[in-house]
Amino acid sequence: FNKYNSNQKLSQIIDKLKIGEPIALTSDAGLPGISDPGEELAKEARKEDIDVICVPGPCAALTALVASGLPSSKFIFEGFLPKKGIEREKVLQEISNNVKTTIIFESPHRLKKLLKELKIYCGGERELIIAKELTKRYEQHIGSNIDEVINFFDENEVLGEYTIVIKGTIKDQKIEFDELKIKEDLKELINYGLSLSSASKYISKRNNLSRKYVYNLLNKSKDR
């Protein structure tokens, strides 16, 4: 039962459950139902008044959170982020401003791009831990902040899926800024496809600066 066959198999499974057949959904890794089609199966079973019982096993999100040492009393689980466009930008902006710890999943071919985006939105010093192969023989925990993790993957191959735990921002934190660094961040966001207006909006929020001031930085550079 997976994302490729779930539409076809869902009704078949529900029909079997209706006539009293017991069915178990298991997984060779992680907890079924978390960023998984098992969520739809549980929802449809509940609609039909069929009992759904969870026998908990390892969950990558919670396992990584506990092992990270980052605040765990309040957290947000985002799963896999939208792949592109406004929705992805919106989630990244929310992560950068959130005071709660954020947990996300990422695949190997998109990890480096995500790390670069997180550096732009959150800053390289934001505390971040990446975990893989949790509860398995080759379990690994990487880094302590975004810059350190980026440097690690500049020198090491990206293999497997990753769980990323990001510390929340400090509320009302006074952020010092470097005008040259903000210009570089603006250019990088624009290179990713954002308009100058959108890039200015995100960076102004992150640095508690006037949006107009940030917007005019690139124009000021051209005038010089």
Foldseek 3Di string as FASTA:
>chain_A
DFPVCCVVCLVVVLVCVVVPDDDDDDDPDAAACQLTCVVVSVVVCVVVVGDDDGDDDDHQQVLCVVVLPADDPDEEEDEAAPPDDPRNVVVLLCQQAFQHKYKYKDFQVCVLVVLVSNCLQNNFAWFKWKWPPPPHDPTDIFDGTSVRRNVVCVPDHRDGMIMMITHHDDPPDQDDDDLVVLVVSLVVVVVSPDDLLVSLVSSCVSNVHDSVVSSCSVVVVVVD
